[in-house]
Amino acid sequence: MFNNDNNSSDSNEKRKNENEIESCVCKKNTMDVKINNGGDIFLFRIWRNIVLKNIILQQLYYLNKNFEIKIYKKEQLLNSKYRDYIKKLYYISNENIYLGDIPSSVESLTFGNNFNQVLSAGSIPSSVETLTFGRYFNQALSKGSIPSSVKSLTFGDCFNQVLSAGSIPSSVKSLTFGYCFDQVLSTGSIPSSVKSLTFGYCFNQVLSAESIPSSVKSLTFGYSFNQVLSEGLIPSSVKSLTFGNDFNQVLSEGSIPSSVESLTFGNSFNQVLSAGIIPSSVKSLTFHPCFNQVLLGSIPLSVKSINILN
């Protein structure tokens, strides 16, 4: 909610900001920084100008006050005279958004749990780098629905749409799916820019050699994943590999690529591990209490720690 600027708490906050700015100037003086170039002299003269100083303090105040905002009705966002100061926006409404509704100053956008509207190209501005959907969002994504500026993308529990090539932009580096996602991953579904990939509870699809791109370094499967892993299905770029509760497949040499350094098995895993199955790149190895196989001769010398989780 936006508040009126003339109440006492806002006045106190404004005075606090002024004091903090004044403190910064004093610190510069006490550090004996010499004003010995044109740029410093110019800034010093601006600061001594009471009119310009007040304008600067006012802008800093509005920027600080509106940096992070929760919006419950779109009308609040459209009518705010300080909308261009918003950097982090929580859009709690389920009202549709169109081109220009969200200001181009927003860098982090989080939709509330009830938001479930179709996203047209341009409705999310190209300034957004972090995008998070709430629980009930479950709309098809076409190319351009998510801008190419987004680096971190998180879906909520209900999202379970087919992902065609290009629906997730090639700018995304961190991709997290929620509880329900369980779709076949064809070539290009996951862009080759993704470095961290996390699946949710329900994902349990057969993987092909093209399902997971060779850019992925951290790969986490959710609770239900329990598919056969032949050589090449997990790319050789992966350094951290985590399996969920249900995974209990026989592994052969090459199932786990030789790039993996951290390997975690879930609660159900209890398969014989013969020599060579755990690659010599692994440094950290984690099991759960159900695992009761003999490890003699199966653990490479590279392993520095073996953990048994409760």
C-alpha atoms as a PDB file:
ATOM      1  CA  MET A   1       0.000   0.000   0.000  1.00  0.00           C
ATOM      2  CA  PHE A   2       1.185   3.509  -0.771  1.00  0.00           C
ATOM      3  CA  ASN A   3       1.031   5.958   2.146  1.00  0.00           C
ATOM      4  CA  ASN A   4       0.681   9.753   2.192  1.00  0.00           C
ATOM      5  CA  ASP A   5       4.038  11.510   2.382  1.00  0.00           C
ATOM      6  CA  ASN A   6       2.932  14.067   4.967  1.00  0.00           C
ATOM      7  CA  ASN A   7       2.474  11.818   7.969  1.00  0.00           C
ATOM      8  CA  SER A   8       4.838  11.856  10.919  1.00  0.00           C
ATOM      9  CA  SER A   9       6.527   8.518  10.206  1.00  0.00           C
ATOM     10  CA  ASP A  10       7.420   9.633   6.694  1.00  0.00           C
ATOM     11  CA  SER A  11       8.800  12.913   8.036  1.00  0.00           C
ATOM     12  CA  ASN A  12      10.952  11.048  10.509  1.00  0.00           C
ATOM     13  CA  GLU A  13      12.184   8.721   7.774  1.00  0.00           C
ATOM     14  CA  LYS A  14      13.011  11.688   5.549  1.00  0.00           C
ATOM     15  CA  ARG A  15      14.980  13.390   8.332  1.00  0.00           C
ATOM     16  CA  LYS A  16      16.794  10.103   8.946  1.00  0.00           C
ATOM     17  CA  ASN A  17      17.817   9.946   5.278  1.00  0.00           C
ATOM     18  CA  GLU A  18      19.058  13.541   5.435  1.00  0.00           C
ATOM     19  CA  ASN A  19      21.126  12.749   8.498  1.00  0.00           C
ATOM     20  CA  GLU A  20      22.615   9.677   6.818  1.00  0.00           C
ATOM     21  CA  ILE A  21      23.606  11.715   3.768  1.00  0.00           C
ATOM     22  CA  GLU A  22      25.095  14.446   5.965  1.00  0.00           C
ATOM     23  CA  SER A  23      26.995  11.746   7.849  1.00  0.00           C
ATOM     24  CA  CYS A  24      28.482  10.455   4.596  1.00  0.00           C
ATOM     25  CA  VAL A  25      29.713  13.955   3.728  1.00  0.00           C
ATOM     26  CA  CYS A  26      31.242  14.387   7.175  1.00  0.00           C
ATOM     27  CA  LYS A  27      32.990  11.028   6.897  1.00  0.00           C
ATOM     28  CA  LYS A  28      34.523  12.128   3.622  1.00  0.00           C
ATOM     29  CA  ASN A  29      35.884  15.246   5.293  1.00  0.00           C
ATOM     30  CA  THR A  30      37.243  13.379   8.311  1.00  0.00           C
ATOM     31  CA  MET A  31      39.021  10.948   6.000  1.00  0.00           C
ATOM     32  CA  ASP A  32      41.028  13.960   4.790  1.00  0.00           C
ATOM     33  CA  VAL A  33      40.080  13.378   1.156  1.00  0.00           C
ATOM     34  CA  LYS A  34      41.494  16.227  -0.876  1.00  0.00           C
ATOM     35  CA  ILE A  35      39.214  17.986  -3.313  1.00  0.00           C
ATOM     36  CA  ASN A  36      41.803  18.270  -6.033  1.00  0.00           C
ATOM     37  CA  ASN A  37      39.986  17.791  -9.323  1.00  0.00           C
ATOM     38  CA  GLY A  38      37.173  19.410 -11.239  1.00  0.00           C
ATOM     39  CA  GLY A  39      34.668  16.599 -10.623  1.00  0.00           C
ATOM     40  CA  ASP A  40      34.984  16.753  -6.832  1.00  0.00           C
ATOM     41  CA  ILE A  41      34.800  20.550  -6.821  1.00  0.00           C
ATOM     42  CA  PHE A  42      31.668  20.432  -8.986  1.00  0.00           C
ATOM     43  CA  LEU A  43      29.962  17.933  -6.656  1.00  0.00           C
ATOM     44  CA  PHE A  44      30.989  19.917  -3.604  1.00  0.00           C
ATOM     45  CA  ARG A  45      29.450  23.083  -5.052  1.00  0.00           C
ATOM     46  CA  ILE A  46      26.207  21.223  -5.836  1.00  0.00           C
ATOM     47  CA  TRP A  47      26.042  19.935  -2.267  1.00  0.00           C
ATOM     48  CA  ARG A  48      26.523  23.452  -0.845  1.00  0.00           C
ATOM     49  CA  ASN A  49      23.608  24.692  -2.984  1.00  0.00           C
ATOM     50  CA  ILE A  50      20.639  24.314  -0.617  1.00  0.00           C
ATOM     51  CA  VAL A  51      18.077  24.024  -3.446  1.00  0.00           C
ATOM     52  CA  LEU A  52      19.959  21.306  -5.319  1.00  0.00           C
ATOM     53  CA  LYS A  53      20.814  19.542  -2.072  1.00  0.00           C
ATOM     54  CA  ASN A  54      17.117  19.364  -1.105  1.00  0.00           C
ATOM     55  CA  ILE A  55      16.209  18.012  -4.537  1.00  0.00           C
ATOM     56  CA  ILE A  56      18.848  15.285  -4.220  1.00  0.00           C
ATOM     57  CA  LEU A  57      17.704  14.366  -0.709  1.00  0.00           C
ATOM     58  CA  GLN A  58      14.076  14.258  -1.844  1.00  0.00           C
ATOM     59  CA  GLN A  59      14.871  11.950  -4.757  1.00  0.00           C
ATOM     60  CA  LEU A  60      16.908   9.663  -2.498  1.00  0.00           C
ATOM     61  CA  TYR A  61      14.016   9.598  -0.045  1.00  0.00           C
ATOM     62  CA  TYR A  62      11.494   8.579  -2.719  1.00  0.00           C
ATOM     63  CA  LEU A  63      13.883   5.993  -4.117  1.00  0.00           C
ATOM     64  CA  ASN A  64      14.436   4.430  -0.696  1.00  0.00           C
ATOM     65  CA  LYS A  65      10.758   4.559   0.264  1.00  0.00           C
ATOM     66  CA  ASN A  66       9.462   2.941  -2.930  1.00  0.00           C
ATOM     67  CA  PHE A  67      12.337   0.552  -3.667  1.00  0.00           C
ATOM     68  CA  GLU A  68      10.197  -2.447  -2.621  1.00  0.00           C
ATOM     69  CA  ILE A  69       6.405  -2.334  -3.006  1.00  0.00           C
ATOM     70  CA  LYS A  70       3.428  -4.694  -2.620  1.00  0.00           C
ATOM     71  CA  ILE A  71       0.532  -4.019  -4.972  1.00  0.00           C
ATOM     72  CA  TYR A  72      -2.904  -5.447  -4.163  1.00  0.00           C
ATOM     73  CA  LYS A  73      -4.834  -3.648  -6.915  1.00  0.00           C
ATOM     74  CA  LYS A  74      -3.437  -2.671 -10.301  1.00  0.00           C
ATOM     75  CA  GLU A  75      -4.965   0.801  -9.902  1.00  0.00           C
ATOM     76  CA  GLN A  76      -2.459   1.468  -7.112  1.00  0.00           C
ATOM     77  CA  LEU A  77       0.402   0.805  -9.496  1.00  0.00           C
ATOM     78  CA  LEU A  78      -0.997   2.779 -12.420  1.00  0.00           C
ATOM     79  CA  ASN A  79      -1.830   5.875 -10.366  1.00  0.00           C
ATOM     80  CA  SER A  80       1.291   6.094  -8.230  1.00  0.00           C
ATOM     81  CA  LYS A  81       3.399   9.153  -9.002  1.00  0.00           C
ATOM     82  CA  TYR A  82       6.412   7.284  -7.616  1.00  0.00           C
ATOM     83  CA  ARG A  83       6.036   4.173  -9.809  1.00  0.00           C
ATOM     84  CA  ASP A  84       9.291   4.850 -11.648  1.00  0.00           C
ATOM     85  CA  TYR A  85      11.235   4.409  -8.397  1.00  0.00           C
ATOM     86  CA  ILE A  86      10.099   0.804  -7.870  1.00  0.00           C
ATOM     87  CA  LYS A  87      12.860  -1.797  -8.166  1.00  0.00           C
ATOM     88  CA  LYS A  88      11.262  -4.793  -6.427  1.00  0.00           C
ATOM     89  CA  LEU A  89       7.556  -5.384  -7.073  1.00  0.00           C
ATOM     90  CA  TYR A  90       5.191  -7.879  -5.452  1.00  0.00           C
ATOM     91  CA  TYR A  91       2.092  -8.037  -7.657  1.00  0.00           C
ATOM     92  CA  ILE A  92      -0.534  -9.614  -5.384  1.00  0.00           C
ATOM     93  CA  SER A  93      -3.502  -8.907  -7.691  1.00  0.00           C
ATOM     94  CA  ASN A  94      -4.975 -11.344 -10.238  1.00  0.00           C
ATOM     95  CA  GLU A  95      -5.715  -8.543 -12.686  1.00  0.00           C
ATOM     96  CA  ASN A  96      -4.269  -8.898 -16.172  1.00  0.00           C
ATOM     97  CA  ILE A  97      -1.191  -6.876 -17.028  1.00  0.00           C
ATOM     98  CA  TYR A  98      -0.499  -5.150 -20.324  1.00  0.00           C
ATOM     99  CA  LEU A  99       2.375  -3.330 -21.959  1.00  0.00           C
ATOM    100  CA  GLY A 100       3.359  -0.379 -19.763  1.00  0.00           C
ATOM    101  CA  ASP A 101       1.469  -1.435 -16.631  1.00  0.00           C
ATOM    102  CA  ILE A 102       4.659  -2.488 -14.857  1.00  0.00           C
ATOM    103  CA  PRO A 103       7.247   0.324 -14.853  1.00  0.00           C
ATOM    104  CA  SER A 104      10.564  -0.228 -16.605  1.00  0.00           C
ATOM    105  CA  SER A 105      12.401   0.464 -13.336  1.00  0.00           C
ATOM    106  CA  VAL A 106      11.371  -2.944 -11.901  1.00  0.00           C
ATOM    107  CA  GLU A 107      14.231  -5.449 -11.680  1.00  0.00           C
ATOM    108  CA  SER A 108      12.607  -8.091  -9.463  1.00  0.00           C
ATOM    109  CA  LEU A 109       8.979  -9.153 -10.045  1.00  0.00           C
ATOM    110  CA  THR A 110       7.062 -11.606  -7.870  1.00  0.00           C
ATOM    111  CA  PHE A 111       3.468 -12.568  -8.605  1.00  0.00           C
ATOM    112  CA  GLY A 112       1.178 -13.524  -5.740  1.00  0.00           C
ATOM    113  CA  ASN A 113      -0.340 -16.979  -5.337  1.00  0.00           C
ATOM    114  CA  ASN A 114      -3.630 -16.081  -7.056  1.00  0.00           C
ATOM    115  CA  PHE A 115      -2.157 -14.601 -10.236  1.00  0.00           C
ATOM    116  CA  ASN A 116      -3.047 -16.759 -13.247  1.00  0.00           C
ATOM    117  CA  GLN A 117      -3.293 -14.579 -16.329  1.00  0.00           C
ATOM    118  CA  VAL A 118      -2.047 -15.013 -19.888  1.00  0.00           C
ATOM    119  CA  LEU A 119       1.182 -13.101 -20.453  1.00  0.00           C
ATOM    120  CA  SER A 120       1.484 -11.297 -23.761  1.00  0.00           C
ATOM    121  CA  ALA A 121       4.825 -10.243 -25.210  1.00  0.00           C
ATOM    122  CA  GLY A 122       5.970  -7.011 -23.567  1.00  0.00           C
ATOM    123  CA  SER A 123       3.661  -7.181 -20.546  1.00  0.00           C
ATOM    124  CA  ILE A 124       6.715  -7.855 -18.370  1.00  0.00           C
ATOM    125  CA  PRO A 125       9.308  -5.108 -19.020  1.00  0.00           C
ATOM    126  CA  SER A 126      12.822  -5.915 -20.230  1.00  0.00           C
ATOM    127  CA  SER A 127      14.265  -4.461 -17.017  1.00  0.00           C
ATOM    128  CA  VAL A 128      13.183  -7.536 -14.996  1.00  0.00           C
ATOM    129  CA  GLU A 129      16.043  -9.895 -14.093  1.00  0.00           C
ATOM    130  CA  THR A 130      14.389 -11.964 -11.348  1.00  0.00           C
ATOM    131  CA  LEU A 131      10.919 -13.391 -12.029  1.00  0.00           C
ATOM    132  CA  THR A 132       8.897 -15.528  -9.612  1.00  0.00           C
ATOM    133  CA  PHE A 133       5.409 -16.920 -10.182  1.00  0.00           C
ATOM    134  CA  GLY A 134       3.033 -17.803  -7.352  1.00  0.00           C
ATOM    135  CA  ARG A 135       1.259 -21.049  -6.582  1.00  0.00           C
ATOM    136  CA  TYR A 136      -1.635 -21.011  -9.077  1.00  0.00           C
ATOM    137  CA  PHE A 137       0.022 -19.667 -12.214  1.00  0.00           C
ATOM    138  CA  ASN A 138      -0.444 -22.224 -14.998  1.00  0.00           C
ATOM    139  CA  GLN A 139      -0.547 -20.519 -18.369  1.00  0.00           C
ATOM    140  CA  ALA A 140       1.098 -21.512 -21.631  1.00  0.00           C
ATOM    141  CA  LEU A 141       4.238 -19.543 -22.414  1.00  0.00           C
ATOM    142  CA  SER A 142       4.913 -18.348 -25.943  1.00  0.00           C
ATOM    143  CA  LYS A 143       8.142 -16.819 -27.156  1.00  0.00           C
ATOM    144  CA  GLY A 144       8.377 -13.303 -25.717  1.00  0.00           C
ATOM    145  CA  SER A 145       6.071 -13.906 -22.747  1.00  0.00           C
ATOM    146  CA  ILE A 146       9.142 -13.819 -20.547  1.00  0.00           C
ATOM    147  CA  PRO A 147      11.602 -11.050 -21.522  1.00  0.00           C
ATOM    148  CA  SER A 148      15.167 -11.866 -22.529  1.00  0.00           C
ATOM    149  CA  SER A 149      16.455  -9.876 -19.551  1.00  0.00           C
ATOM    150  CA  VAL A 150      15.370 -12.512 -16.993  1.00  0.00           C
ATOM    151  CA  LYS A 151      18.271 -14.372 -15.363  1.00  0.00           C
ATOM    152  CA  SER A 152      16.457 -16.138 -12.511  1.00  0.00           C
ATOM    153  CA  LEU A 153      13.083 -17.814 -13.169  1.00  0.00           C
ATOM    154  CA  THR A 154      10.966 -19.658 -10.588  1.00  0.00           C
ATOM    155  CA  PHE A 155       7.598 -21.309 -11.206  1.00  0.00           C
ATOM    156  CA  GLY A 156       5.017 -22.023  -8.510  1.00  0.00           C
ATOM    157  CA  ASP A 157       3.369 -25.303  -7.544  1.00  0.00           C
ATOM    158  CA  CYS A 158       0.634 -25.488 -10.212  1.00  0.00           C
ATOM    159  CA  PHE A 159       2.677 -24.720 -13.318  1.00  0.00           C
ATOM    160  CA  ASN A 160       2.630 -27.727 -15.662  1.00  0.00           C
ATOM    161  CA  GLN A 161       2.770 -26.513 -19.248  1.00  0.00           C
ATOM    162  CA  VAL A 162       4.576 -27.912 -22.267  1.00  0.00           C
ATOM    163  CA  LEU A 163       7.745 -25.926 -22.889  1.00  0.00           C
ATOM    164  CA  SER A 164       8.509 -25.324 -26.539  1.00  0.00           C
ATOM    165  CA  ALA A 165      11.906 -24.088 -27.687  1.00  0.00           C
ATOM    166  CA  GLY A 166      12.185 -20.359 -26.968  1.00  0.00           C
ATOM    167  CA  SER A 167       9.388 -20.138 -24.401  1.00  0.00           C
ATOM    168  CA  ILE A 168      12.073 -19.745 -21.741  1.00  0.00           C
ATOM    169  CA  PRO A 169      14.559 -17.107 -22.938  1.00  0.00           C
ATOM    170  CA  SER A 170      18.248 -17.852 -23.399  1.00  0.00           C
ATOM    171  CA  SER A 171      19.113 -15.275 -20.736  1.00  0.00           C
ATOM    172  CA  VAL A 172      17.919 -17.528 -17.882  1.00  0.00           C
ATOM    173  CA  LYS A 173      20.729 -18.928 -15.737  1.00  0.00           C
ATOM    174  CA  SER A 174      18.752 -20.253 -12.767  1.00  0.00           C
ATOM    175  CA  LEU A 175      15.548 -22.221 -13.417  1.00  0.00           C
ATOM    176  CA  THR A 176      13.315 -23.749 -10.735  1.00  0.00           C
ATOM    177  CA  PHE A 177      10.114 -25.716 -11.297  1.00  0.00           C
ATOM    178  CA  GLY A 178       7.403 -26.200  -8.682  1.00  0.00           C
ATOM    179  CA  TYR A 179       5.485 -29.174  -7.328  1.00  0.00           C
ATOM    180  CA  CYS A 180       3.314 -30.170 -10.337  1.00  0.00           C
ATOM    181  CA  PHE A 181       5.649 -29.760 -13.297  1.00  0.00           C
ATOM    182  CA  ASP A 182       5.974 -33.065 -15.141  1.00  0.00           C
ATOM    183  CA  GLN A 183       6.412 -32.475 -18.867  1.00  0.00           C
ATOM    184  CA  VAL A 184       8.615 -34.094 -21.488  1.00  0.00           C
ATOM    185  CA  LEU A 185      11.746 -32.053 -22.082  1.00  0.00           C
ATOM    186  CA  SER A 186      12.479 -31.865 -25.795  1.00  0.00           C
ATOM    187  CA  THR A 187      15.392 -30.132 -27.498  1.00  0.00           C
ATOM    188  CA  GLY A 188      15.396 -26.461 -26.506  1.00  0.00           C
ATOM    189  CA  SER A 189      12.829 -26.745 -23.696  1.00  0.00           C
ATOM    190  CA  ILE A 190      15.598 -25.801 -21.278  1.00  0.00           C
ATOM    191  CA  PRO A 191      17.794 -23.104 -22.845  1.00  0.00           C
ATOM    192  CA  SER A 192      21.550 -23.633 -23.081  1.00  0.00           C
ATOM    193  CA  SER A 193      22.125 -20.639 -20.793  1.00  0.00           C
ATOM    194  CA  VAL A 194      20.825 -22.441 -17.679  1.00  0.00           C
ATOM    195  CA  LYS A 195      23.482 -23.259 -15.088  1.00  0.00           C
ATOM    196  CA  SER A 196      21.271 -24.202 -12.134  1.00  0.00           C
ATOM    197  CA  LEU A 197      18.263 -26.475 -12.774  1.00  0.00           C
ATOM    198  CA  THR A 198      15.866 -27.679 -10.072  1.00  0.00           C
ATOM    199  CA  PHE A 199      12.829 -29.925 -10.579  1.00  0.00           C
ATOM    200  CA  GLY A 200       9.904 -30.183  -8.170  1.00  0.00           C
ATOM    201  CA  TYR A 201       8.058 -33.038  -6.511  1.00  0.00           C
ATOM    202  CA  CYS A 202       6.192 -34.581  -9.478  1.00  0.00           C
ATOM    203  CA  PHE A 203       8.785 -34.531 -12.257  1.00  0.00           C
ATOM    204  CA  ASN A 204       9.414 -38.093 -13.443  1.00  0.00           C
ATOM    205  CA  GLN A 205      10.000 -38.014 -17.189  1.00  0.00           C
ATOM    206  CA  VAL A 206      12.315 -40.176 -19.255  1.00  0.00           C
ATOM    207  CA  LEU A 207      15.354 -38.125 -20.228  1.00  0.00           C
ATOM    208  CA  SER A 208      16.935 -37.943 -23.650  1.00  0.00           C
ATOM    209  CA  ALA A 209      20.443 -36.729 -24.433  1.00  0.00           C
ATOM    210  CA  GLU A 210      18.931 -33.317 -25.369  1.00  0.00           C
ATOM    211  CA  SER A 211      16.703 -32.864 -22.295  1.00  0.00           C
ATOM    212  CA  ILE A 212      19.294 -31.194 -20.080  1.00  0.00           C
ATOM    213  CA  PRO A 213      21.677 -28.746 -21.781  1.00  0.00           C
ATOM    214  CA  SER A 214      25.432 -28.991 -21.374  1.00  0.00           C
ATOM    215  CA  SER A 215      25.488 -25.604 -19.630  1.00  0.00           C
ATOM    216  CA  VAL A 216      23.960 -27.008 -16.416  1.00  0.00           C
ATOM    217  CA  LYS A 217      26.378 -27.197 -13.486  1.00  0.00           C
ATOM    218  CA  SER A 218      23.923 -27.799 -10.639  1.00  0.00           C
ATOM    219  CA  LEU A 219      21.127 -30.356 -11.183  1.00  0.00           C
ATOM    220  CA  THR A 220      18.512 -31.281  -8.577  1.00  0.00           C
ATOM    221  CA  PHE A 221      15.744 -33.842  -9.111  1.00  0.00           C
ATOM    222  CA  GLY A 222      12.630 -33.786  -6.962  1.00  0.00           C
ATOM    223  CA  TYR A 223      10.895 -36.380  -4.820  1.00  0.00           C
ATOM    224  CA  SER A 224       9.337 -38.552  -7.575  1.00  0.00           C
ATOM    225  CA  PHE A 225      12.093 -38.842 -10.173  1.00  0.00           C
ATOM    226  CA  ASN A 226      13.006 -42.500 -10.718  1.00  0.00           C
ATOM    227  CA  GLN A 227      14.150 -43.106 -14.295  1.00  0.00           C
ATOM    228  CA  VAL A 228      16.953 -45.187 -15.783  1.00  0.00           C
ATOM    229  CA  LEU A 229      20.084 -43.153 -16.387  1.00  0.00           C
ATOM    230  CA  SER A 230      22.248 -44.321 -19.239  1.00  0.00           C
ATOM    231  CA  GLU A 231      25.550 -42.678 -20.142  1.00  0.00           C
ATOM    232  CA  GLY A 232      25.151 -39.176 -21.584  1.00  0.00           C
ATOM    233  CA  LEU A 233      21.733 -38.339 -20.110  1.00  0.00           C
ATOM    234  CA  ILE A 234      23.353 -36.259 -17.372  1.00  0.00           C
ATOM    235  CA  PRO A 235      25.648 -33.803 -19.193  1.00  0.00           C
ATOM    236  CA  SER A 236      29.352 -33.721 -18.418  1.00  0.00           C
ATOM    237  CA  SER A 237      29.036 -30.109 -17.274  1.00  0.00           C
ATOM    238  CA  VAL A 238      27.228 -31.068 -14.042  1.00  0.00           C
ATOM    239  CA  LYS A 239      29.283 -30.619 -10.883  1.00  0.00           C
ATOM    240  CA  SER A 240      26.537 -30.922  -8.268  1.00  0.00           C
ATOM    241  CA  LEU A 241      23.958 -33.723  -8.667  1.00  0.00           C
ATOM    242  CA  THR A 242      21.117 -34.421  -6.226  1.00  0.00           C
ATOM    243  CA  PHE A 243      18.483 -37.163  -6.452  1.00  0.00           C
ATOM    244  CA  GLY A 244      15.159 -37.080  -4.614  1.00  0.00           C
ATOM    245  CA  ASN A 245      13.384 -39.557  -2.388  1.00  0.00           C
ATOM    246  CA  ASP A 246      12.152 -42.123  -4.950  1.00  0.00           C
ATOM    247  CA  PHE A 247      15.267 -42.595  -7.051  1.00  0.00           C
ATOM    248  CA  ASN A 248      16.440 -46.214  -6.826  1.00  0.00           C
ATOM    249  CA  GLN A 249      17.812 -47.233 -10.215  1.00  0.00           C
ATOM    250  CA  VAL A 250      20.722 -49.518 -11.022  1.00  0.00           C
ATOM    251  CA  LEU A 251      23.671 -47.389 -12.074  1.00  0.00           C
ATOM    252  CA  SER A 252      26.334 -48.399 -14.551  1.00  0.00           C
ATOM    253  CA  GLU A 253      29.709 -46.823 -15.237  1.00  0.00           C
ATOM    254  CA  GLY A 254      29.079 -43.527 -17.023  1.00  0.00           C
ATOM    255  CA  SER A 255      25.595 -42.977 -15.561  1.00  0.00           C
ATOM    256  CA  ILE A 256      27.155 -40.339 -13.321  1.00  0.00           C
ATOM    257  CA  PRO A 257      29.430 -38.118 -15.450  1.00  0.00           C
ATOM    258  CA  SER A 258      33.075 -37.640 -14.494  1.00  0.00           C
ATOM    259  CA  SER A 259      32.469 -33.928 -13.910  1.00  0.00           C
ATOM    260  CA  VAL A 260      30.388 -34.455 -10.747  1.00  0.00           C
ATOM    261  CA  GLU A 261      32.067 -33.309  -7.529  1.00  0.00           C
ATOM    262  CA  SER A 262      29.080 -33.394  -5.149  1.00  0.00           C
ATOM    263  CA  LEU A 263      26.680 -36.375  -5.319  1.00  0.00           C
ATOM    264  CA  THR A 264      23.602 -36.862  -3.134  1.00  0.00           C
ATOM    265  CA  PHE A 265      21.224 -39.849  -3.189  1.00  0.00           C
ATOM    266  CA  GLY A 266      17.704 -39.791  -1.754  1.00  0.00           C
ATOM    267  CA  ASN A 267      16.029 -41.861   0.928  1.00  0.00           C
ATOM    268  CA  SER A 268      15.049 -44.845  -1.278  1.00  0.00           C
ATOM    269  CA  PHE A 269      18.380 -45.444  -2.981  1.00  0.00           C
ATOM    270  CA  ASN A 270      19.858 -48.823  -2.085  1.00  0.00           C
ATOM    271  CA  GLN A 271      21.707 -50.233  -5.088  1.00  0.00           C
ATOM    272  CA  VAL A 272      25.044 -52.033  -5.359  1.00  0.00           C
ATOM    273  CA  LEU A 273      27.821 -49.637  -6.321  1.00  0.00           C
ATOM    274  CA  SER A 274      30.576 -51.470  -8.117  1.00  0.00           C
ATOM    275  CA  ALA A 275      33.963 -49.902  -8.891  1.00  0.00           C
ATOM    276  CA  GLY A 276      33.739 -47.086 -11.442  1.00  0.00           C
ATOM    277  CA  ILE A 277      30.082 -46.160 -10.868  1.00  0.00           C
ATOM    278  CA  ILE A 278      31.071 -43.300  -8.582  1.00  0.00           C
ATOM    279  CA  PRO A 279      33.449 -41.283 -10.782  1.00  0.00           C
ATOM    280  CA  SER A 280      36.872 -40.228  -9.535  1.00  0.00           C
ATOM    281  CA  SER A 281      35.810 -36.580  -9.715  1.00  0.00           C
ATOM    282  CA  VAL A 282      33.459 -36.903  -6.707  1.00  0.00           C
ATOM    283  CA  LYS A 283      34.649 -35.182  -3.543  1.00  0.00           C
ATOM    284  CA  SER A 284      31.458 -35.237  -1.447  1.00  0.00           C
ATOM    285  CA  LEU A 285      29.103 -38.241  -1.305  1.00  0.00           C
ATOM    286  CA  THR A 286      25.800 -38.337   0.605  1.00  0.00           C
ATOM    287  CA  PHE A 287      23.453 -41.253   1.373  1.00  0.00           C
ATOM    288  CA  HIS A 288      20.327 -41.701   3.483  1.00  0.00           C
ATOM    289  CA  PRO A 289      19.848 -44.342   6.224  1.00  0.00           C
ATOM    290  CA  CYS A 290      18.118 -46.868   3.905  1.00  0.00           C
ATOM    291  CA  PHE A 291      21.369 -47.383   2.008  1.00  0.00           C
ATOM    292  CA  ASN A 292      23.074 -50.502   3.391  1.00  0.00           C
ATOM    293  CA  GLN A 293      25.350 -51.722   0.597  1.00  0.00           C
ATOM    294  CA  VAL A 294      29.011 -52.644   1.027  1.00  0.00           C
ATOM    295  CA  LEU A 295      31.171 -49.736  -0.132  1.00  0.00           C
ATOM    296  CA  LEU A 296      34.561 -51.440  -0.013  1.00  0.00           C
ATOM    297  CA  GLY A 297      36.329 -50.828  -3.326  1.00  0.00           C
ATOM    298  CA  SER A 298      33.507 -48.707  -4.755  1.00  0.00           C
ATOM    299  CA  ILE A 299      34.503 -45.317  -3.359  1.00  0.00           C
ATOM    300  CA  PRO A 300      37.200 -43.483  -5.341  1.00  0.00           C
ATOM    301  CA  LEU A 301      40.167 -41.882  -3.596  1.00  0.00           C
ATOM    302  CA  SER A 302      38.906 -38.439  -4.626  1.00  0.00           C
ATOM    303  CA  VAL A 303      36.078 -38.627  -2.059  1.00  0.00           C
ATOM    304  CA  LYS A 304      36.883 -36.438   0.940  1.00  0.00           C
ATOM    305  CA  SER A 305      33.601 -36.782   2.839  1.00  0.00           C
ATOM    306  CA  ILE A 306      30.829 -39.406   3.089  1.00  0.00           C
ATOM    307  CA  ASN A 307      27.647 -38.238   4.787  1.00  0.00           C
ATOM    308  CA  ILE A 308      24.697 -40.265   6.076  1.00  0.00           C
ATOM    309  CA  LEU A 309      21.663 -38.020   6.496  1.00  0.00           C
ATOM    310  CA  ASN A 310      18.962 -38.714   9.084  1.00  0.00           C
END
